Protein backbone atom coordinates (compact mmCIF):
# COMPACT_ATOMS: atom_id res chain seq x y z
CA MET A 1 144.34 106.48 189.80
CA PRO A 2 145.35 106.48 186.13
CA LEU A 3 147.20 103.44 184.96
CA PHE A 4 149.43 104.66 182.17
CA SER A 5 149.14 107.40 179.63
CA GLY A 6 148.55 106.27 176.09
CA SER A 7 151.94 107.61 175.07
CA GLU A 8 153.66 105.70 177.89
CA ILE A 9 152.19 102.37 176.78
CA VAL A 10 153.09 103.05 173.14
CA ASN A 11 156.61 104.11 174.11
CA ILE A 12 157.05 100.78 175.90
CA ALA A 13 155.95 99.02 172.70
CA ILE A 14 158.42 101.14 170.71
CA GLY A 15 161.18 100.03 173.07
CA ILE A 16 160.20 96.36 172.67
CA GLU A 17 160.36 96.63 168.88
CA ARG A 18 163.61 98.63 168.92
CA ASN A 19 165.23 96.01 171.13
CA GLY A 20 163.98 93.18 168.92
CA ALA A 21 165.38 94.91 165.85
CA ALA A 22 168.72 95.32 167.63
CA TYR A 23 168.76 91.62 168.50
CA TYR A 24 168.00 90.42 164.98
CA GLY A 25 170.32 93.04 163.47
CA SER A 26 173.17 91.85 165.66
CA LEU A 27 172.50 88.25 164.65
CA ALA A 28 172.52 89.29 160.99
CA GLU A 29 175.83 91.12 161.38
CA SER A 30 177.53 88.05 162.80
CA ALA A 31 175.90 85.47 160.49
CA THR A 32 178.21 83.95 157.91
CA ASP A 33 175.55 81.92 156.11
CA ALA A 34 173.75 84.07 153.52
CA SER A 35 170.38 82.41 154.06
CA LEU A 36 170.61 82.84 157.80
CA LYS A 37 171.68 86.48 157.38
CA ASP A 38 168.63 87.06 155.14
CA THR A 39 166.32 85.48 157.73
CA TYR A 40 167.70 87.66 160.53
CA ASN A 41 167.46 90.78 158.34
CA TYR A 42 163.86 89.91 157.45
CA LEU A 43 162.98 89.63 161.15
CA ALA A 44 164.81 92.88 161.95
CA ASN A 45 162.88 94.65 159.18
CA MET A 46 159.57 93.37 160.56
CA GLU A 47 160.47 94.76 163.99
CA GLN A 48 161.37 98.09 162.34
CA GLU A 49 157.96 98.16 160.64
CA HIS A 50 156.24 97.57 163.98
CA LEU A 51 158.37 100.29 165.55
CA GLN A 52 157.25 102.71 162.84
CA THR A 53 153.61 101.72 163.35
CA PHE A 54 153.86 102.47 167.06
CA GLN A 55 155.65 105.76 166.40
CA ASN A 56 152.78 106.75 164.11
CA MET A 57 150.32 105.84 166.89
CA LEU A 58 152.06 108.24 169.28
CA GLY A 59 150.63 111.22 167.42
CA THR A 60 147.07 109.99 167.71
CA ILE A 61 147.10 108.47 171.16
CA GLY A 62 148.66 111.49 172.84
CA LYS A 63 148.85 111.80 176.58
CA SER A 64 145.36 110.56 177.31
CA GLN A 65 145.19 108.63 180.55
CA LEU A 66 144.38 104.99 180.19
CA THR A 67 142.50 103.35 183.01
CA TYR A 68 141.83 99.77 183.83
CA ALA A 69 138.17 98.85 184.21
CA GLY A 70 138.89 95.80 186.35
CA GLU A 71 138.58 95.31 190.08
CA ASP A 72 142.07 96.24 191.26
CA GLU A 73 143.74 98.88 189.11
CA GLU A 74 146.86 99.12 191.28
CA GLU A 75 147.45 95.38 191.07
CA TYR A 76 147.00 95.52 187.29
CA GLN A 77 149.50 98.37 187.05
CA LEU A 78 152.01 96.28 189.00
CA TYR A 79 151.30 93.36 186.66
CA LEU A 80 152.04 95.47 183.56
CA LYS A 81 155.20 96.83 185.16
CA ALA A 82 156.29 93.25 185.91
CA LEU A 83 155.67 92.28 182.26
CA VAL A 84 157.92 95.10 181.12
CA ASP A 85 160.58 94.47 183.77
CA SER A 86 160.74 90.75 183.00
CA SER A 87 161.24 91.31 179.29
CA ILE A 88 164.11 89.32 177.84
CA PHE A 89 165.51 92.39 176.10
CA ILE A 90 165.59 95.16 178.68
CA ASP A 91 167.32 97.50 176.25
CA ASP A 92 169.01 97.37 172.86
CA GLU A 93 172.47 96.81 174.35
CA VAL A 94 171.25 93.78 176.30
CA ALA A 95 169.59 92.52 173.11
CA ARG A 96 172.88 92.79 171.21
CA GLN A 97 174.76 91.03 174.03
CA MET A 98 172.22 88.20 174.05
CA ALA A 99 172.65 87.81 170.30
CA GLN A 100 176.42 87.54 170.67
CA LYS A 101 176.13 85.01 173.51
CA ALA A 102 173.88 82.63 171.59
CA SER A 103 175.83 79.43 170.99
CA GLY A 104 174.28 78.96 167.56
CA PRO A 105 171.20 79.57 165.44
CA ALA A 106 168.97 77.17 167.42
CA GLU A 107 169.71 78.95 170.69
CA ALA A 108 169.31 82.33 169.00
CA MET A 109 165.84 81.24 167.85
CA GLN A 110 164.96 80.03 171.37
CA ILE A 111 165.90 83.43 172.82
CA ALA A 112 163.91 85.17 170.09
CA LEU A 113 160.91 82.92 170.77
CA GLY A 114 160.89 84.01 174.39
CA ALA A 115 161.02 87.66 173.39
CA GLU A 116 158.24 87.30 170.81
CA LYS A 117 156.01 85.49 173.31
CA ASP A 118 156.65 88.23 175.89
CA SER A 119 155.72 90.87 173.34
CA ILE A 120 152.48 89.06 172.44
CA ILE A 121 151.49 88.97 176.11
CA PHE A 122 152.28 92.67 176.54
CA TYR A 123 150.47 93.71 173.35
CA SER A 124 147.46 91.59 174.29
CA GLU A 125 147.24 93.44 177.59
CA MET A 126 147.95 96.76 175.89
CA ARG A 127 145.13 96.20 173.41
CA ASP A 128 142.44 96.68 176.03
CA LEU A 129 144.05 99.88 177.29
CA VAL A 130 144.31 101.81 174.04
CA PRO A 131 141.41 103.69 172.46
CA GLU A 132 139.04 101.57 170.35
CA ARG A 133 140.33 103.14 167.13
CA ASP A 134 143.86 101.78 167.77
CA ARG A 135 142.85 98.21 168.59
CA PRO A 136 142.85 96.93 164.98
CA THR A 137 146.47 98.12 164.70
CA ILE A 138 147.42 96.26 167.89
CA ASP A 139 145.55 93.17 166.63
CA LYS A 140 147.54 93.29 163.38
CA ILE A 141 150.83 93.48 165.26
CA ILE A 142 149.82 90.64 167.61
CA ASN A 143 149.02 88.48 164.57
CA GLU A 144 152.36 89.35 162.98
CA GLU A 145 154.16 88.50 166.23
CA ARG A 146 152.31 85.17 166.27
CA SER A 147 153.55 84.50 162.74
CA HIS A 148 157.07 85.28 164.01
CA VAL A 149 156.61 82.65 166.73
CA ARG A 150 155.61 80.08 164.11
CA LEU A 151 158.56 81.02 161.89
CA LEU A 152 161.04 81.03 164.77
CA SER A 153 159.76 77.69 166.04
CA SER A 154 160.18 76.19 162.58
CA LEU A 155 163.66 77.68 162.24
CA LYS A 156 164.65 76.42 165.67
CA LYS A 157 163.62 72.87 164.70
CA GLN A 158 165.51 73.19 161.42
CA PHE A 159 168.67 74.48 163.12
CA ALA A 160 168.50 71.84 165.85
CA LYS A 161 168.75 69.16 163.13
CA ASP A 162 171.87 70.72 161.59
């Protein structure tokens, strides 16, 4: 039983990045502090770059069926579905709503941290499902998401002091 098609897995990643960009974009729109607005716009732009990278991958990955080489493929498929379903930002509208509900920059960073960690887990699982040629691209995005976690963690600490 095939797990996911390559295009399905990449489309999920596109959705994750689109929703992250919507979240940061919404935060930037409502920010009154110029430095904070710049930070949110920077993060939104990074998500847009990842989105573009995944869109470019769609053409090369096609509709090839991806299979899991582990013991229980059905259980793994349910696991991946659960990862997607439990995502903080189910869609871009939810992402915008979450941005508006954040009580301040520290809480906004905490929400973003959760989303970035979720995306790292998903991309780490995705990495072993995509063709070998696409793995360096996934690795690059995982490393960039890790740098986002470090940045967001630092920002959260900074905002918690204010």
